[in-house]
Amino acid sequence: MSDAPPDDPSSIQKLLEKAAGILDSAVIGGLAETADSQVDQINQRLAKFVSHESGIGERYRLMSLSAQPRLYALVADFGLGAPSAIRLYAQKNNEKRYTLVARVDRFTQQDFLDDSLELVPIARAPVVFVTVAGRTDDLRTGVFTAWQFDEKGLTQLWTSDMVQQSSYQGNSAGFQLTYCRDPDETNPRICNAMIRESYRWQDGKWSKVDSVPVSVPKR
């Protein structure tokens, strides 16, 4: 995957689908009707897919997003310079077997930044989560996107601009994002003003509930 030509999206897409398909098989084969107890075991098996030679930044992690109905997410980062993806699995039509029900990657979501993806669960019914992309440089540059999954499928609720010097916290109470809203034009490492925004899933929608200035950290 890391050796794919960066200017050949068709080849990258084929490699991504092939690699993700292997991971799908490992996850679906490991999930059972009472699958929460098996997540750790599946993650141990997924860890064996990490290359010992070129596995910088490569990792695969399964997590539970909802218990009723059961929904699981695989966060797959194929390594430095390679794509990342999120795969969602659920039981359909009262079948015991799990199947791939949604995916988040650069080919299914237009203009989606997929560098070093992270997933932050927010709500369990309906399922709401935030993806974090980027943040691998010393400026902690990131893009943050909120998603909802229900019986209709996956819906993008909100996405941030690409923000610098960013940090975040997320849990069932909501999502909090702190970033530099006024970087210096001549030196991006200098921040003239920071802001902290708070978001919450409430009344069936994703809402910004607070936006306050915060002090710029001393360097």
C-alpha atoms as a PDB file:
ATOM      1  CA  MET A   1       0.000   0.000   0.000  1.00  0.00           C
ATOM      2  CA  SER A   2       2.757   2.477   0.929  1.00  0.00           C
ATOM      3  CA  ASP A   3       4.546   1.753  -2.385  1.00  0.00           C
ATOM      4  CA  ALA A   4       1.538   2.718  -4.530  1.00  0.00           C
ATOM      5  CA  PRO A   5       2.224   5.676  -6.857  1.00  0.00           C
ATOM      6  CA  PRO A   6       0.768   8.775  -5.130  1.00  0.00           C
ATOM      7  CA  ASP A   7      -0.411  10.157  -8.489  1.00  0.00           C
ATOM      8  CA  ASP A   8      -2.320   7.000  -9.445  1.00  0.00           C
ATOM      9  CA  PRO A   9      -5.640   7.083  -7.539  1.00  0.00           C
ATOM     10  CA  SER A  10      -7.023   4.106  -9.464  1.00  0.00           C
ATOM     11  CA  SER A  11      -4.192   1.866  -8.270  1.00  0.00           C
ATOM     12  CA  ILE A  12      -4.511   3.191  -4.721  1.00  0.00           C
ATOM     13  CA  GLN A  13      -8.247   2.498  -4.731  1.00  0.00           C
ATOM     14  CA  LYS A  14      -7.733  -1.085  -5.916  1.00  0.00           C
ATOM     15  CA  LEU A  15      -5.095  -1.678  -3.253  1.00  0.00           C
ATOM     16  CA  LEU A  16      -7.284  -0.110  -0.565  1.00  0.00           C
ATOM     17  CA  GLU A  17     -10.270  -2.276  -1.499  1.00  0.00           C
ATOM     18  CA  LYS A  18      -8.117  -5.412  -1.541  1.00  0.00           C
ATOM     19  CA  ALA A  19      -6.461  -4.669   1.824  1.00  0.00           C
ATOM     20  CA  ALA A  20      -9.722  -3.565   3.457  1.00  0.00           C
ATOM     21  CA  GLY A  21     -11.419  -6.699   2.141  1.00  0.00           C
ATOM     22  CA  ILE A  22      -8.848  -8.837   3.961  1.00  0.00           C
ATOM     23  CA  LEU A  23      -9.507  -6.926   7.178  1.00  0.00           C
ATOM     24  CA  ASP A  24     -13.276  -7.210   6.637  1.00  0.00           C
ATOM     25  CA  SER A  25     -12.949 -10.980   6.466  1.00  0.00           C
ATOM     26  CA  ALA A  26     -10.905 -11.074   9.679  1.00  0.00           C
ATOM     27  CA  VAL A  27     -13.426  -8.913  11.539  1.00  0.00           C
ATOM     28  CA  ILE A  28     -16.609 -10.550  10.251  1.00  0.00           C
ATOM     29  CA  GLY A  29     -15.146 -13.998  10.849  1.00  0.00           C
ATOM     30  CA  GLY A  30     -14.401 -13.070  14.456  1.00  0.00           C
ATOM     31  CA  LEU A  31     -17.700 -11.443  15.326  1.00  0.00           C
ATOM     32  CA  ALA A  32     -20.474 -13.525  16.839  1.00  0.00           C
ATOM     33  CA  GLU A  33     -23.919 -12.828  18.275  1.00  0.00           C
ATOM     34  CA  THR A  34     -22.366 -11.920  21.651  1.00  0.00           C
ATOM     35  CA  ALA A  35     -19.415 -10.182  20.083  1.00  0.00           C
ATOM     36  CA  ASP A  36     -18.433  -7.479  22.587  1.00  0.00           C
ATOM     37  CA  SER A  37     -16.370  -9.978  24.565  1.00  0.00           C
ATOM     38  CA  GLN A  38     -14.466 -10.863  21.395  1.00  0.00           C
ATOM     39  CA  VAL A  39     -13.319  -7.370  20.395  1.00  0.00           C
ATOM     40  CA  ASP A  40     -10.007  -7.693  22.261  1.00  0.00           C
ATOM     41  CA  GLN A  41      -9.330 -11.061  20.640  1.00  0.00           C
ATOM     42  CA  ILE A  42     -10.113  -9.680  17.186  1.00  0.00           C
ATOM     43  CA  ASN A  43      -7.798  -6.714  17.808  1.00  0.00           C
ATOM     44  CA  GLN A  44      -5.013  -9.098  18.739  1.00  0.00           C
ATOM     45  CA  ARG A  45      -5.472 -10.855  15.405  1.00  0.00           C
ATOM     46  CA  LEU A  46      -5.634  -7.537  13.535  1.00  0.00           C
ATOM     47  CA  ALA A  47      -2.333  -6.477  15.116  1.00  0.00           C
ATOM     48  CA  LYS A  48      -0.649  -9.350  13.275  1.00  0.00           C
ATOM     49  CA  PHE A  49      -1.397  -7.607   9.963  1.00  0.00           C
ATOM     50  CA  VAL A  50       0.954  -4.732  10.864  1.00  0.00           C
ATOM     51  CA  SER A  51       4.173  -4.931   8.867  1.00  0.00           C
ATOM     52  CA  HIS A  52       7.311  -5.214  10.993  1.00  0.00           C
ATOM     53  CA  GLU A  53       9.409  -3.727   8.207  1.00  0.00           C
ATOM     54  CA  SER A  54       7.406  -0.748   6.980  1.00  0.00           C
ATOM     55  CA  GLY A  55       4.644  -0.415   9.575  1.00  0.00           C
ATOM     56  CA  ILE A  56       5.264   3.216  10.579  1.00  0.00           C
ATOM     57  CA  GLY A  57       1.872   4.622  11.507  1.00  0.00           C
ATOM     58  CA  GLU A  58       0.132   1.386  10.527  1.00  0.00           C
ATOM     59  CA  ARG A  59      -2.587   0.116  12.870  1.00  0.00           C
ATOM     60  CA  TYR A  60      -5.955  -1.631  12.850  1.00  0.00           C
ATOM     61  CA  ARG A  61      -8.459  -1.358  15.703  1.00  0.00           C
ATOM     62  CA  LEU A  62     -12.021  -2.602  16.124  1.00  0.00           C
ATOM     63  CA  MET A  63     -14.409  -0.873  18.538  1.00  0.00           C
ATOM     64  CA  SER A  64     -18.040  -1.174  19.567  1.00  0.00           C
ATOM     65  CA  LEU A  65     -20.256   1.811  18.710  1.00  0.00           C
ATOM     66  CA  SER A  66     -23.658   0.505  19.770  1.00  0.00           C
ATOM     67  CA  ALA A  67     -25.038  -2.462  21.702  1.00  0.00           C
ATOM     68  CA  GLN A  68     -28.630  -2.285  20.430  1.00  0.00           C
ATOM     69  CA  PRO A  69     -28.527  -2.776  17.568  1.00  0.00           C
ATOM     70  CA  ARG A  70     -24.941  -3.972  17.571  1.00  0.00           C
ATOM     71  CA  LEU A  71     -22.621  -1.850  15.456  1.00  0.00           C
ATOM     72  CA  TYR A  72     -18.838  -2.054  15.214  1.00  0.00           C
ATOM     73  CA  ALA A  73     -16.241   0.185  13.599  1.00  0.00           C
ATOM     74  CA  LEU A  74     -12.823  -0.739  12.283  1.00  0.00           C
ATOM     75  CA  VAL A  75     -10.301   2.101  12.145  1.00  0.00           C
ATOM     76  CA  ALA A  76      -7.682   1.090   9.581  1.00  0.00           C
ATOM     77  CA  ASP A  77      -4.552   3.159   9.026  1.00  0.00           C
ATOM     78  CA  PHE A  78      -2.378   1.578   6.368  1.00  0.00           C
ATOM     79  CA  GLY A  79       0.745   3.500   7.340  1.00  0.00           C
ATOM     80  CA  LEU A  80       2.728   6.629   6.609  1.00  0.00           C
ATOM     81  CA  GLY A  81       1.816   8.051   3.205  1.00  0.00           C
ATOM     82  CA  ALA A  82      -0.930   5.458   2.680  1.00  0.00           C
ATOM     83  CA  PRO A  83      -4.721   5.831   2.961  1.00  0.00           C
ATOM     84  CA  SER A  84      -6.813   5.336   6.078  1.00  0.00           C
ATOM     85  CA  ALA A  85     -10.369   4.064   6.276  1.00  0.00           C
ATOM     86  CA  ILE A  86     -13.232   3.369   8.648  1.00  0.00           C
ATOM     87  CA  ARG A  87     -15.491   0.355   8.120  1.00  0.00           C
ATOM     88  CA  LEU A  88     -18.836  -0.172   9.907  1.00  0.00           C
ATOM     89  CA  TYR A  89     -20.314  -3.635  10.526  1.00  0.00           C
ATOM     90  CA  ALA A  90     -23.804  -4.670  11.617  1.00  0.00           C
ATOM     91  CA  GLN A  91     -26.297  -7.517  11.311  1.00  0.00           C
ATOM     92  CA  LYS A  92     -28.878  -7.009   8.570  1.00  0.00           C
ATOM     93  CA  ASN A  93     -32.313  -8.538   8.027  1.00  0.00           C
ATOM     94  CA  ASN A  94     -32.181 -10.444  11.341  1.00  0.00           C
ATOM     95  CA  GLU A  95     -29.177 -12.448  10.164  1.00  0.00           C
ATOM     96  CA  LYS A  96     -26.607 -13.515  12.756  1.00  0.00           C
ATOM     97  CA  ARG A  97     -23.706 -12.893  10.409  1.00  0.00           C
ATOM     98  CA  TYR A  98     -22.250  -9.385  10.346  1.00  0.00           C
ATOM     99  CA  THR A  99     -21.727  -7.502   7.116  1.00  0.00           C
ATOM    100  CA  LEU A 100     -20.098  -4.277   5.963  1.00  0.00           C
ATOM    101  CA  VAL A 101     -22.810  -1.590   6.116  1.00  0.00           C
ATOM    102  CA  ALA A 102     -20.877   1.676   5.608  1.00  0.00           C
ATOM    103  CA  ARG A 103     -17.396   2.986   4.933  1.00  0.00           C
ATOM    104  CA  VAL A 104     -15.499   6.228   5.276  1.00  0.00           C
ATOM    105  CA  ASP A 105     -12.503   6.785   2.997  1.00  0.00           C
ATOM    106  CA  ARG A 106     -11.189   9.129   0.313  1.00  0.00           C
ATOM    107  CA  PHE A 107     -13.059   7.311  -2.439  1.00  0.00           C
ATOM    108  CA  THR A 108     -16.551   7.189  -0.913  1.00  0.00           C
ATOM    109  CA  GLN A 109     -16.474  10.737   0.547  1.00  0.00           C
ATOM    110  CA  GLN A 110     -15.440  13.488  -1.856  1.00  0.00           C
ATOM    111  CA  ASP A 111     -12.484  15.679  -0.790  1.00  0.00           C
ATOM    112  CA  PHE A 112     -12.106  13.686   2.433  1.00  0.00           C
ATOM    113  CA  LEU A 113      -8.768  13.971   4.255  1.00  0.00           C
ATOM    114  CA  ASP A 114      -7.890  10.485   5.468  1.00  0.00           C
ATOM    115  CA  ASP A 115      -4.435  10.953   7.008  1.00  0.00           C
ATOM    116  CA  SER A 116      -4.056   9.083  10.322  1.00  0.00           C
ATOM    117  CA  LEU A 117      -7.773   8.693  11.030  1.00  0.00           C
ATOM    118  CA  GLU A 118      -9.109   8.516  14.579  1.00  0.00           C
ATOM    119  CA  LEU A 119     -12.711   7.860  15.670  1.00  0.00           C
ATOM    120  CA  VAL A 120     -14.368   9.468  18.709  1.00  0.00           C
ATOM    121  CA  PRO A 121     -17.765   7.998  19.752  1.00  0.00           C
ATOM    122  CA  ILE A 122     -20.355  10.569  20.887  1.00  0.00           C
ATOM    123  CA  ALA A 123     -23.861   9.015  20.968  1.00  0.00           C
ATOM    124  CA  ARG A 124     -24.982   5.389  20.820  1.00  0.00           C
ATOM    125  CA  ALA A 125     -28.618   5.738  19.662  1.00  0.00           C
ATOM    126  CA  PRO A 126     -28.594   6.894  16.959  1.00  0.00           C
ATOM    127  CA  VAL A 127     -24.881   6.360  16.525  1.00  0.00           C
ATOM    128  CA  VAL A 128     -22.970   9.642  16.260  1.00  0.00           C
ATOM    129  CA  PHE A 129     -19.181   9.833  16.065  1.00  0.00           C
ATOM    130  CA  VAL A 130     -16.427  12.247  15.056  1.00  0.00           C
ATOM    131  CA  THR A 131     -13.509  11.409  12.790  1.00  0.00           C
ATOM    132  CA  VAL A 132     -10.177  13.154  13.289  1.00  0.00           C
ATOM    133  CA  ALA A 133      -7.798  13.333  10.343  1.00  0.00           C
ATOM    134  CA  GLY A 134      -4.322  14.805  10.009  1.00  0.00           C
ATOM    135  CA  ARG A 135      -2.558  16.095  13.147  1.00  0.00           C
ATOM    136  CA  THR A 136       0.683  14.289  12.321  1.00  0.00           C
ATOM    137  CA  ASP A 137       2.783  17.446  11.952  1.00  0.00           C
ATOM    138  CA  ASP A 138       4.257  19.695  14.635  1.00  0.00           C
ATOM    139  CA  LEU A 139       1.433  22.211  14.064  1.00  0.00           C
ATOM    140  CA  ARG A 140      -1.184  19.560  14.978  1.00  0.00           C
ATOM    141  CA  THR A 141      -3.141  20.371  11.815  1.00  0.00           C
ATOM    142  CA  GLY A 142      -6.460  18.541  11.757  1.00  0.00           C
ATOM    143  CA  VAL A 143      -9.847  18.200  10.108  1.00  0.00           C
ATOM    144  CA  PHE A 144     -12.800  17.113  12.242  1.00  0.00           C
ATOM    145  CA  THR A 145     -16.021  15.584  10.880  1.00  0.00           C
ATOM    146  CA  ALA A 146     -19.205  14.471  12.663  1.00  0.00           C
ATOM    147  CA  TRP A 147     -21.226  11.534  11.322  1.00  0.00           C
ATOM    148  CA  GLN A 148     -24.559   9.872  12.098  1.00  0.00           C
ATOM    149  CA  PHE A 149     -25.407   6.256  11.343  1.00  0.00           C
ATOM    150  CA  ASP A 150     -28.957   4.890  11.516  1.00  0.00           C
ATOM    151  CA  GLU A 151     -31.271   2.642   9.521  1.00  0.00           C
ATOM    152  CA  LYS A 152     -31.004   5.064   6.590  1.00  0.00           C
ATOM    153  CA  GLY A 153     -27.224   4.750   6.438  1.00  0.00           C
ATOM    154  CA  LEU A 154     -24.300   7.081   7.074  1.00  0.00           C
ATOM    155  CA  THR A 155     -24.786  10.866   7.048  1.00  0.00           C
ATOM    156  CA  GLN A 156     -22.174  13.603   7.377  1.00  0.00           C
ATOM    157  CA  LEU A 157     -23.420  16.168   9.917  1.00  0.00           C
ATOM    158  CA  TRP A 158     -20.584  18.702  10.082  1.00  0.00           C
ATOM    159  CA  THR A 159     -16.973  19.207   9.152  1.00  0.00           C
ATOM    160  CA  SER A 160     -14.420  21.750  10.312  1.00  0.00           C
ATOM    161  CA  ASP A 161     -11.951  23.705   8.249  1.00  0.00           C
ATOM    162  CA  MET A 162      -8.363  22.496   8.346  1.00  0.00           C
ATOM    163  CA  VAL A 163      -7.264  23.998  11.658  1.00  0.00           C
ATOM    164  CA  GLN A 164      -3.842  24.391  13.242  1.00  0.00           C
ATOM    165  CA  GLN A 165      -2.582  23.834  16.771  1.00  0.00           C
ATOM    166  CA  SER A 166      -5.708  21.819  17.441  1.00  0.00           C
ATOM    167  CA  SER A 167      -6.701  19.598  20.334  1.00  0.00           C
ATOM    168  CA  TYR A 168      -9.972  17.894  21.163  1.00  0.00           C
ATOM    169  CA  GLN A 169     -12.023  16.057  23.760  1.00  0.00           C
ATOM    170  CA  GLY A 170     -15.062  13.925  23.058  1.00  0.00           C
ATOM    171  CA  ASN A 171     -17.492  11.772  25.050  1.00  0.00           C
ATOM    172  CA  SER A 172     -21.208  11.239  25.534  1.00  0.00           C
ATOM    173  CA  ALA A 173     -21.536  14.847  26.749  1.00  0.00           C
ATOM    174  CA  GLY A 174     -20.351  16.208  23.399  1.00  0.00           C
ATOM    175  CA  PHE A 175     -17.261  17.257  21.489  1.00  0.00           C
ATOM    176  CA  GLN A 176     -14.879  20.109  22.296  1.00  0.00           C
ATOM    177  CA  LEU A 177     -12.395  21.493  19.768  1.00  0.00           C
ATOM    178  CA  THR A 178      -9.650  24.003  20.568  1.00  0.00           C
ATOM    179  CA  TYR A 179      -7.569  25.516  17.785  1.00  0.00           C
ATOM    180  CA  CYS A 180      -5.731  28.592  16.540  1.00  0.00           C
ATOM    181  CA  ARG A 181      -8.247  30.848  14.819  1.00  0.00           C
ATOM    182  CA  ASP A 182      -5.656  33.513  13.913  1.00  0.00           C
ATOM    183  CA  PRO A 183      -2.272  32.053  12.910  1.00  0.00           C
ATOM    184  CA  ASP A 184       0.514  34.466  12.021  1.00  0.00           C
ATOM    185  CA  GLU A 185       0.741  34.838   8.238  1.00  0.00           C
ATOM    186  CA  THR A 186       4.535  34.887   8.197  1.00  0.00           C
ATOM    187  CA  ASN A 187       5.105  32.193  10.813  1.00  0.00           C
ATOM    188  CA  PRO A 188       2.311  29.619  11.260  1.00  0.00           C
ATOM    189  CA  ARG A 189       3.894  28.420  14.495  1.00  0.00           C
ATOM    190  CA  ILE A 190       2.868  31.719  16.060  1.00  0.00           C
ATOM    191  CA  CYS A 191      -0.784  31.925  17.066  1.00  0.00           C
ATOM    192  CA  ASN A 192      -2.375  35.312  17.702  1.00  0.00           C
ATOM    193  CA  ALA A 193      -5.685  33.976  19.045  1.00  0.00           C
ATOM    194  CA  MET A 194      -7.112  30.633  20.141  1.00  0.00           C
ATOM    195  CA  ILE A 195     -10.752  29.561  20.317  1.00  0.00           C
ATOM    196  CA  ARG A 196     -12.609  26.669  21.938  1.00  0.00           C
ATOM    197  CA  GLU A 197     -15.824  25.413  20.350  1.00  0.00           C
ATOM    198  CA  SER A 198     -18.241  22.962  21.948  1.00  0.00           C
ATOM    199  CA  TYR A 199     -20.638  20.743  19.979  1.00  0.00           C
ATOM    200  CA  ARG A 200     -23.417  18.450  21.124  1.00  0.00           C
ATOM    201  CA  TRP A 201     -25.865  15.950  19.684  1.00  0.00           C
ATOM    202  CA  GLN A 202     -29.222  17.133  20.994  1.00  0.00           C
ATOM    203  CA  ASP A 203     -32.829  17.223  19.792  1.00  0.00           C
ATOM    204  CA  GLY A 204     -31.881  15.080  16.809  1.00  0.00           C
ATOM    205  CA  LYS A 205     -29.212  17.378  15.411  1.00  0.00           C
ATOM    206  CA  TRP A 206     -25.546  18.338  15.712  1.00  0.00           C
ATOM    207  CA  SER A 207     -25.259  21.798  17.240  1.00  0.00           C
ATOM    208  CA  LYS A 208     -22.541  24.239  18.224  1.00  0.00           C
ATOM    209  CA  VAL A 209     -23.398  25.172  21.803  1.00  0.00           C
ATOM    210  CA  ASP A 210     -20.458  27.359  22.755  1.00  0.00           C
ATOM    211  CA  SER A 211     -17.567  29.298  21.240  1.00  0.00           C
ATOM    212  CA  VAL A 212     -15.175  31.126  23.563  1.00  0.00           C
ATOM    213  CA  PRO A 213     -11.683  32.614  23.217  1.00  0.00           C
ATOM    214  CA  VAL A 214      -8.945  30.948  25.251  1.00  0.00           C
ATOM    215  CA  SER A 215      -5.429  32.014  26.073  1.00  0.00           C
ATOM    216  CA  VAL A 216      -2.638  31.153  23.649  1.00  0.00           C
ATOM    217  CA  PRO A 217      -0.268  28.568  25.163  1.00  0.00           C
ATOM    218  CA  LYS A 218       3.186  29.890  25.898  1.00  0.00           C
ATOM    219  CA  ARG A 219       6.018  28.489  23.823  1.00  0.00           C
END
